[in-house]
Amino acid sequence: QVQLVESGGGLVEPGGSLRLSCVASGSILYFNEMNWYRQVPGKERALVAGMRSNGPIYENSVKGRFTISEDIATNSVYLQMNSLKLEDTAVYYCSGRRRGMDYWGKGTPVTVSS
């Protein structure tokens, strides 16, 4: 089973940037989809961005600010987050989907605060 490990979270001021990384223990081609989700306390985990065969998808609130990318050679998926807002504060999770099953990393926390 391929495992996913996120990194790159931290504390950043509003307007700042962070780049999240997700490294898979095997090839990301094992998965049909690669996604980034986020979760805040008391709310369900929500899709932020995803890689699809016909191009990336984004949740409306992050369009134009976040960019998802992948590097097959290094088994990595990235989430570049720019112009961060207070409401982007959450734990961010990398996820891979294969045959209807989701595989999750343990998450990396992002705190946007002045």
Protein backbone atom coordinates (compact mmCIF):
# COMPACT_ATOMS: atom_id res chain seq x y z
CA GLN A 1 0.00 0.00 0.00
CA VAL A 2 1.33 3.42 -0.98
CA GLN A 3 1.68 5.87 1.90
CA LEU A 4 1.43 9.64 1.67
CA VAL A 5 3.41 12.12 3.78
CA GLU A 6 2.68 15.85 3.79
CA SER A 7 5.02 18.66 4.79
CA GLY A 8 5.39 22.39 4.42
CA GLY A 9 2.71 23.68 6.74
CA GLY A 10 3.33 26.38 9.29
CA LEU A 11 2.49 29.85 10.51
CA VAL A 12 2.21 32.62 7.95
CA GLU A 13 0.85 36.15 7.93
CA PRO A 14 -2.13 37.12 5.79
CA GLY A 15 -1.02 37.72 2.23
CA GLY A 16 1.88 35.33 2.58
CA SER A 17 2.67 32.09 0.77
CA LEU A 18 3.34 28.48 1.61
CA ARG A 19 4.12 25.46 -0.51
CA LEU A 20 2.82 22.14 0.71
CA SER A 21 4.43 18.91 -0.42
CA CYS A 22 3.10 15.38 -0.50
CA VAL A 23 5.47 12.52 -1.12
CA ALA A 24 4.21 9.04 -1.90
CA SER A 25 6.12 5.91 -0.87
CA GLY A 26 5.48 4.58 -4.37
CA SER A 27 4.50 5.96 -7.73
CA ILE A 28 1.64 8.47 -7.73
CA LEU A 29 0.54 6.81 -10.97
CA TYR A 30 -0.84 4.13 -8.64
CA PHE A 31 -3.69 6.55 -8.00
CA ASN A 32 -6.40 7.66 -10.40
CA GLU A 33 -6.63 11.04 -8.67
CA MET A 34 -4.43 13.13 -6.41
CA ASN A 35 -6.11 15.72 -4.23
CA TRP A 36 -5.54 18.23 -1.46
CA TYR A 37 -8.20 18.58 1.22
CA ARG A 38 -8.42 20.75 4.31
CA GLN A 39 -10.27 20.50 7.57
CA VAL A 40 -11.02 22.91 10.38
CA PRO A 41 -12.33 21.81 13.79
CA GLY A 42 -16.03 21.07 13.75
CA LYS A 43 -16.26 20.88 9.98
CA GLU A 44 -15.98 18.13 7.42
CA ARG A 45 -12.88 17.66 5.35
CA ALA A 46 -13.28 19.64 2.13
CA LEU A 47 -11.65 19.34 -1.27
CA VAL A 48 -9.32 22.24 -2.04
CA ALA A 49 -7.65 21.16 -5.27
CA GLY A 50 -7.27 18.05 -7.40
CA MET A 51 -5.36 16.73 -10.35
CA ARG A 52 -7.62 15.38 -13.09
CA SER A 53 -6.91 13.91 -16.51
CA ASN A 54 -8.34 17.00 -18.19
CA GLY A 55 -6.70 19.51 -15.88
CA PRO A 56 -6.66 20.65 -12.26
CA ILE A 57 -9.76 21.58 -10.31
CA TYR A 58 -10.07 24.07 -7.46
CA GLU A 59 -12.55 24.98 -4.79
CA ASN A 60 -13.97 28.41 -5.61
CA SER A 61 -12.43 30.26 -2.68
CA VAL A 62 -8.87 29.30 -3.68
CA LYS A 63 -9.10 29.81 -7.45
CA GLY A 64 -6.39 32.17 -8.60
CA ARG A 65 -4.47 31.80 -5.33
CA PHE A 66 -3.62 28.10 -5.06
CA THR A 67 -1.93 25.90 -7.63
CA ILE A 68 -1.70 22.12 -7.55
CA SER A 69 1.09 20.39 -9.40
CA GLU A 70 2.77 17.03 -9.50
CA ASP A 71 6.20 15.58 -10.20
CA ILE A 72 5.90 11.97 -11.24
CA ALA A 73 9.66 11.47 -11.16
CA THR A 74 9.78 12.23 -7.43
CA ASN A 75 6.35 10.77 -6.58
CA SER A 76 5.28 14.19 -5.31
CA VAL A 77 2.25 16.45 -5.38
CA TYR A 78 2.45 20.08 -4.39
CA LEU A 79 0.06 22.83 -3.37
CA GLN A 80 1.39 26.34 -3.86
CA MET A 81 -0.68 28.69 -1.74
CA ASN A 82 -0.40 32.43 -2.35
CA SER A 83 -2.26 35.44 -0.96
CA LEU A 84 -3.21 33.42 2.08
CA LYS A 85 -6.20 34.54 4.11
CA LEU A 86 -7.21 33.97 7.72
CA GLU A 87 -9.90 31.56 6.52
CA ASP A 88 -7.29 29.32 4.90
CA THR A 89 -6.25 28.19 8.37
CA ALA A 90 -6.77 24.42 8.53
CA VAL A 91 -5.05 21.08 8.53
CA TYR A 92 -4.24 20.19 4.94
CA TYR A 93 -4.33 16.59 3.78
CA CYS A 94 -2.96 14.92 0.70
CA SER A 95 -5.15 12.19 -0.73
CA GLY A 96 -4.90 9.64 -3.47
CA ARG A 97 -7.92 7.86 -4.90
CA ARG A 98 -7.74 4.44 -6.47
CA ARG A 99 -10.70 2.29 -7.46
CA GLY A 100 -13.04 4.34 -5.29
CA MET A 101 -10.85 4.12 -2.19
CA ASP A 102 -9.16 7.17 -0.67
CA TYR A 103 -5.71 7.01 0.84
CA TRP A 104 -4.73 9.78 3.25
CA GLY A 105 -1.67 11.35 4.72
CA LYS A 106 -1.63 12.50 8.34
CA GLY A 107 -1.95 16.15 7.40
CA THR A 108 0.09 19.29 7.83
CA PRO A 109 -1.30 22.31 9.74
CA VAL A 110 -1.46 25.75 8.19
CA THR A 111 -2.12 28.77 10.38
CA VAL A 112 -2.69 32.17 8.83
CA SER A 113 -2.46 34.82 11.51
CA SER A 114 -1.12 38.30 12.06
